[in-house]
Amino acid sequence: MAKSKKPDAGSQTTEIISDAIGDVVAAVSPQADAPKTPKIVIDGVEYDATNLSAPAKGAIASLQFAEAKLMALQNELAICQTAHFAYVKGLKAELEGKAS
């Protein structure tokens, strides 16, 4: 899962850690010989995720979907900003070439 920018002060943060596709949550800082304990980290507080209710699993799935959508939109915005810059640069070069 990709990490997003550091949140502003006062905003809530949610971190869902997954070690495999399809896992709802996975271990935080697993050690080589230690058994993995699924955790969810919200605002820096770890919660045990071994016995999640159906609504909690649904909320996690919704969060993961929203995070993926936000990342896709941020990538699309970056592409559009790059294109905008290139179009402005090209237009400026064209206008300066015509004015001379």
N, C-alpha and C. Protein backbone atom coordinates (compact mmCIF):
# COMPACT_ATOMS: atom_id res chain seq x y z
N MET A 1 0.84 -1.17 0.00
CA MET A 1 0.00 0.00 0.00
C MET A 1 0.89 1.23 0.00
N ALA A 2 0.58 2.19 -0.82
CA ALA A 2 1.37 3.41 -0.89
C ALA A 2 1.04 4.33 0.27
N LYS A 3 2.06 5.04 0.68
CA LYS A 3 1.89 6.00 1.77
C LYS A 3 1.54 7.35 1.18
N SER A 4 0.69 8.09 1.84
CA SER A 4 0.35 9.42 1.39
C SER A 4 1.16 10.45 2.16
N LYS A 5 0.97 11.74 1.82
CA LYS A 5 1.70 12.81 2.47
C LYS A 5 1.39 12.83 3.96
N LYS A 6 2.30 13.45 4.71
CA LYS A 6 2.12 13.58 6.15
C LYS A 6 0.90 14.45 6.42
N PRO A 7 -0.03 14.04 7.27
CA PRO A 7 -1.24 14.80 7.51
C PRO A 7 -0.96 16.09 8.28
N ASP A 8 -1.86 17.06 8.11
CA ASP A 8 -1.78 18.30 8.86
C ASP A 8 -2.08 18.01 10.32
N ALA A 9 -1.62 18.92 11.19
CA ALA A 9 -1.92 18.78 12.62
C ALA A 9 -3.43 18.84 12.81
N GLY A 10 -3.95 18.00 13.63
CA GLY A 10 -5.38 17.98 13.90
C GLY A 10 -6.16 17.05 12.99
N SER A 11 -5.56 16.59 11.90
CA SER A 11 -6.29 15.68 11.02
C SER A 11 -6.12 14.25 11.54
N GLN A 12 -7.09 13.42 11.21
CA GLN A 12 -7.03 12.03 11.66
C GLN A 12 -6.23 11.22 10.66
N THR A 13 -5.49 10.26 11.17
CA THR A 13 -4.75 9.37 10.28
C THR A 13 -5.16 7.93 10.55
N THR A 14 -5.17 7.16 9.50
CA THR A 14 -5.48 5.75 9.60
C THR A 14 -4.44 5.00 8.79
N GLU A 15 -3.86 3.98 9.37
CA GLU A 15 -2.87 3.17 8.68
C GLU A 15 -3.32 1.72 8.78
N ILE A 16 -3.53 1.12 7.64
CA ILE A 16 -3.90 -0.29 7.60
C ILE A 16 -2.73 -1.01 6.95
N ILE A 17 -2.17 -1.94 7.64
CA ILE A 17 -0.96 -2.60 7.18
C ILE A 17 -1.33 -3.99 6.69
N SER A 18 -0.94 -4.30 5.45
CA SER A 18 -1.27 -5.58 4.86
C SER A 18 -0.01 -6.23 4.32
N ASP A 19 0.15 -7.54 4.58
CA ASP A 19 1.34 -8.23 4.08
C ASP A 19 1.04 -9.08 2.84
N ALA A 20 -0.21 -9.17 2.43
CA ALA A 20 -0.54 -9.93 1.24
C ALA A 20 -1.87 -9.44 0.68
N ILE A 21 -2.00 -9.56 -0.62
CA ILE A 21 -3.26 -9.16 -1.25
C ILE A 21 -4.37 -10.02 -0.68
N GLY A 22 -5.47 -9.38 -0.34
CA GLY A 22 -6.60 -10.10 0.22
C GLY A 22 -6.63 -10.08 1.73
N ASP A 23 -5.50 -9.82 2.35
CA ASP A 23 -5.49 -9.72 3.81
C ASP A 23 -6.17 -8.42 4.21
N VAL A 24 -6.93 -8.47 5.24
CA VAL A 24 -7.55 -7.25 5.74
C VAL A 24 -6.51 -6.43 6.46
N VAL A 25 -5.78 -7.02 7.37
CA VAL A 25 -4.69 -6.37 8.08
C VAL A 25 -3.60 -7.38 8.34
N ALA A 26 -2.41 -6.90 8.65
CA ALA A 26 -1.31 -7.81 8.93
C ALA A 26 -0.47 -7.26 10.06
N ALA A 27 0.63 -7.89 10.29
CA ALA A 27 1.46 -7.55 11.45
C ALA A 27 2.16 -6.21 11.28
N VAL A 28 2.36 -5.54 12.40
CA VAL A 28 3.15 -4.32 12.44
C VAL A 28 4.53 -4.72 12.92
N SER A 29 5.57 -4.38 12.18
CA SER A 29 6.96 -4.69 12.53
C SER A 29 7.14 -6.16 12.92
N PRO A 30 6.89 -7.07 11.99
CA PRO A 30 7.04 -8.48 12.34
C PRO A 30 8.50 -8.84 12.58
N GLN A 31 8.75 -9.73 13.53
CA GLN A 31 10.09 -10.24 13.77
C GLN A 31 10.19 -11.61 13.10
N ALA A 32 11.39 -12.02 12.79
CA ALA A 32 11.60 -13.24 12.02
C ALA A 32 10.95 -14.46 12.64
N ASP A 33 11.13 -14.68 13.94
CA ASP A 33 10.62 -15.88 14.58
C ASP A 33 9.30 -15.68 15.31
N ALA A 34 8.87 -14.46 15.46
CA ALA A 34 7.65 -14.17 16.23
C ALA A 34 6.42 -14.39 15.35
N PRO A 35 5.35 -14.94 15.92
CA PRO A 35 4.11 -15.09 15.15
C PRO A 35 3.52 -13.71 14.87
N LYS A 36 2.89 -13.59 13.72
CA LYS A 36 2.30 -12.32 13.33
C LYS A 36 0.96 -12.11 14.04
N THR A 37 0.77 -10.90 14.54
CA THR A 37 -0.48 -10.52 15.17
C THR A 37 -1.09 -9.40 14.35
N PRO A 38 -2.23 -9.62 13.73
CA PRO A 38 -2.83 -8.56 12.90
C PRO A 38 -3.16 -7.32 13.74
N LYS A 39 -2.82 -6.16 13.20
CA LYS A 39 -3.05 -4.89 13.90
C LYS A 39 -3.62 -3.87 12.94
N ILE A 40 -4.34 -2.92 13.50
CA ILE A 40 -4.80 -1.74 12.78
C ILE A 40 -4.30 -0.55 13.58
N VAL A 41 -3.70 0.43 12.90
CA VAL A 41 -3.18 1.61 13.57
C VAL A 41 -4.01 2.81 13.14
N ILE A 42 -4.66 3.46 14.11
CA ILE A 42 -5.47 4.65 13.85
C ILE A 42 -5.00 5.74 14.80
N ASP A 43 -4.55 6.85 14.23
CA ASP A 43 -4.03 7.97 15.02
C ASP A 43 -2.94 7.53 15.99
N GLY A 44 -2.09 6.62 15.55
CA GLY A 44 -0.98 6.17 16.36
C GLY A 44 -1.33 5.12 17.40
N VAL A 45 -2.57 4.71 17.47
CA VAL A 45 -3.01 3.70 18.45
C VAL A 45 -3.21 2.37 17.72
N GLU A 46 -2.57 1.31 18.22
CA GLU A 46 -2.71 -0.01 17.62
C GLU A 46 -3.92 -0.73 18.20
N TYR A 47 -4.67 -1.37 17.32
CA TYR A 47 -5.82 -2.17 17.73
C TYR A 47 -5.62 -3.60 17.24
N ASP A 48 -5.96 -4.57 18.06
CA ASP A 48 -5.88 -5.97 17.69
C ASP A 48 -6.95 -6.25 16.64
N ALA A 49 -6.55 -6.90 15.56
CA ALA A 49 -7.49 -7.16 14.48
C ALA A 49 -7.78 -8.64 14.28
N THR A 50 -7.55 -9.43 15.32
CA THR A 50 -7.76 -10.87 15.18
C THR A 50 -9.23 -11.25 15.09
N ASN A 51 -10.08 -10.54 15.77
CA ASN A 51 -11.50 -10.87 15.78
C ASN A 51 -12.34 -9.66 15.38
N LEU A 52 -12.21 -9.24 14.13
CA LEU A 52 -12.96 -8.08 13.66
C LEU A 52 -14.41 -8.45 13.36
N SER A 53 -15.28 -7.53 13.66
CA SER A 53 -16.70 -7.73 13.32
C SER A 53 -16.88 -7.48 11.82
N ALA A 54 -18.00 -7.91 11.30
CA ALA A 54 -18.30 -7.69 9.88
C ALA A 54 -18.34 -6.19 9.56
N PRO A 55 -18.96 -5.33 10.41
CA PRO A 55 -18.93 -3.89 10.10
C PRO A 55 -17.50 -3.32 10.10
N ALA A 56 -16.64 -3.82 10.99
CA ALA A 56 -15.24 -3.35 11.02
C ALA A 56 -14.52 -3.76 9.75
N LYS A 57 -14.72 -5.00 9.30
CA LYS A 57 -14.11 -5.46 8.06
C LYS A 57 -14.62 -4.64 6.87
N GLY A 58 -15.90 -4.32 6.89
CA GLY A 58 -16.47 -3.48 5.84
C GLY A 58 -15.87 -2.09 5.84
N ALA A 59 -15.67 -1.52 7.03
CA ALA A 59 -15.06 -0.20 7.14
C ALA A 59 -13.62 -0.22 6.63
N ILE A 60 -12.88 -1.29 6.93
CA ILE A 60 -11.51 -1.43 6.45
C ILE A 60 -11.49 -1.51 4.92
N ALA A 61 -12.38 -2.30 4.37
CA ALA A 61 -12.45 -2.42 2.91
C ALA A 61 -12.78 -1.07 2.28
N SER A 62 -13.69 -0.32 2.89
CA SER A 62 -14.04 1.00 2.37
C SER A 62 -12.87 1.97 2.47
N LEU A 63 -12.13 1.91 3.58
CA LEU A 63 -10.94 2.75 3.74
C LEU A 63 -9.88 2.42 2.69
N GLN A 64 -9.67 1.14 2.45
CA GLN A 64 -8.68 0.74 1.46
C GLN A 64 -9.10 1.21 0.07
N PHE A 65 -10.38 1.10 -0.25
CA PHE A 65 -10.88 1.58 -1.54
C PHE A 65 -10.68 3.08 -1.67
N ALA A 66 -11.03 3.83 -0.61
CA ALA A 66 -10.90 5.28 -0.64
C ALA A 66 -9.44 5.70 -0.77
N GLU A 67 -8.54 5.02 -0.06
CA GLU A 67 -7.12 5.33 -0.16
C GLU A 67 -6.60 5.07 -1.57
N ALA A 68 -7.02 3.97 -2.18
CA ALA A 68 -6.59 3.66 -3.54
C ALA A 68 -7.11 4.71 -4.52
N LYS A 69 -8.36 5.12 -4.33
CA LYS A 69 -8.96 6.13 -5.21
C LYS A 69 -8.24 7.47 -5.04
N LEU A 70 -7.94 7.86 -3.80
CA LEU A 70 -7.20 9.10 -3.56
C LEU A 70 -5.84 9.07 -4.23
N MET A 71 -5.15 7.95 -4.13
CA MET A 71 -3.83 7.83 -4.76
C MET A 71 -3.96 7.96 -6.27
N ALA A 72 -4.95 7.31 -6.86
CA ALA A 72 -5.15 7.40 -8.31
C ALA A 72 -5.46 8.84 -8.72
N LEU A 73 -6.28 9.53 -7.94
CA LEU A 73 -6.61 10.92 -8.26
C LEU A 73 -5.39 11.83 -8.09
N GLN A 74 -4.57 11.59 -7.08
CA GLN A 74 -3.35 12.37 -6.90
C GLN A 74 -2.40 12.16 -8.08
N ASN A 75 -2.31 10.93 -8.57
CA ASN A 75 -1.48 10.64 -9.73
C ASN A 75 -2.03 11.34 -10.98
N GLU A 76 -3.34 11.32 -11.14
CA GLU A 76 -3.96 11.98 -12.28
C GLU A 76 -3.74 13.49 -12.22
N LEU A 77 -3.84 14.06 -11.02
CA LEU A 77 -3.59 15.49 -10.84
C LEU A 77 -2.15 15.83 -11.22
N ALA A 78 -1.20 15.00 -10.82
CA ALA A 78 0.20 15.24 -11.17
C ALA A 78 0.40 15.22 -12.68
N ILE A 79 -0.27 14.31 -13.35
CA ILE A 79 -0.18 14.23 -14.81
C ILE A 79 -0.75 15.49 -15.45
N CYS A 80 -1.90 15.93 -14.96
CA CYS A 80 -2.54 17.14 -15.50
C CYS A 80 -1.70 18.39 -15.24
N GLN A 81 -1.08 18.48 -14.07
CA GLN A 81 -0.23 19.62 -13.76
C GLN A 81 1.00 19.64 -14.66
N THR A 82 1.56 18.48 -14.93
CA THR A 82 2.71 18.39 -15.83
C THR A 82 2.31 18.80 -17.24
N ALA A 83 1.18 18.33 -17.71
CA ALA A 83 0.69 18.70 -19.03
C ALA A 83 0.41 20.20 -19.10
N HIS A 84 -0.19 20.75 -18.08
CA HIS A 84 -0.48 22.19 -18.03
C HIS A 84 0.81 22.99 -18.16
N PHE A 85 1.83 22.61 -17.41
CA PHE A 85 3.12 23.28 -17.47
C PHE A 85 3.70 23.22 -18.88
N ALA A 86 3.64 22.04 -19.50
CA ALA A 86 4.18 21.87 -20.85
C ALA A 86 3.41 22.71 -21.87
N TYR A 87 2.07 22.78 -21.74
CA TYR A 87 1.27 23.58 -22.67
C TYR A 87 1.57 25.06 -22.52
N VAL A 88 1.72 25.53 -21.30
CA VAL A 88 2.06 26.93 -21.06
C VAL A 88 3.43 27.24 -21.64
N LYS A 89 4.38 26.36 -21.40
CA LYS A 89 5.73 26.55 -21.92
C LYS A 89 5.72 26.59 -23.45
N GLY A 90 5.00 25.67 -24.05
CA GLY A 90 4.90 25.63 -25.52
C GLY A 90 4.23 26.86 -26.08
N LEU A 91 3.16 27.30 -25.43
CA LEU A 91 2.44 28.49 -25.88
C LEU A 91 3.33 29.72 -25.77
N LYS A 92 4.04 29.83 -24.65
CA LYS A 92 4.94 30.97 -24.45
C LYS A 92 6.02 30.99 -25.53
N ALA A 93 6.60 29.82 -25.83
CA ALA A 93 7.62 29.75 -26.89
C ALA A 93 7.03 30.14 -28.23
N GLU A 94 5.82 29.70 -28.51
CA GLU A 94 5.15 30.03 -29.78
C GLU A 94 4.88 31.51 -29.87
N LEU A 95 4.38 32.12 -28.81
CA LEU A 95 4.06 33.54 -28.82
C LEU A 95 5.32 34.40 -28.91
N GLU A 96 6.38 34.01 -28.22
CA GLU A 96 7.63 34.76 -28.29
C GLU A 96 8.26 34.63 -29.67
N GLY A 97 8.09 33.49 -30.30
CA GLY A 97 8.61 33.28 -31.68
C GLY A 97 7.86 34.12 -32.69
N LYS A 98 6.56 34.33 -32.53
CA LYS A 98 5.73 35.14 -33.44
C LYS A 98 5.97 36.62 -33.24
N ALA A 99 6.27 37.03 -31.99
CA ALA A 99 6.43 38.45 -31.67
C ALA A 99 7.76 39.00 -32.21
N SER A 100 8.77 38.14 -32.42
CA SER A 100 10.09 38.61 -32.86
C SER A 100 10.11 39.01 -34.29
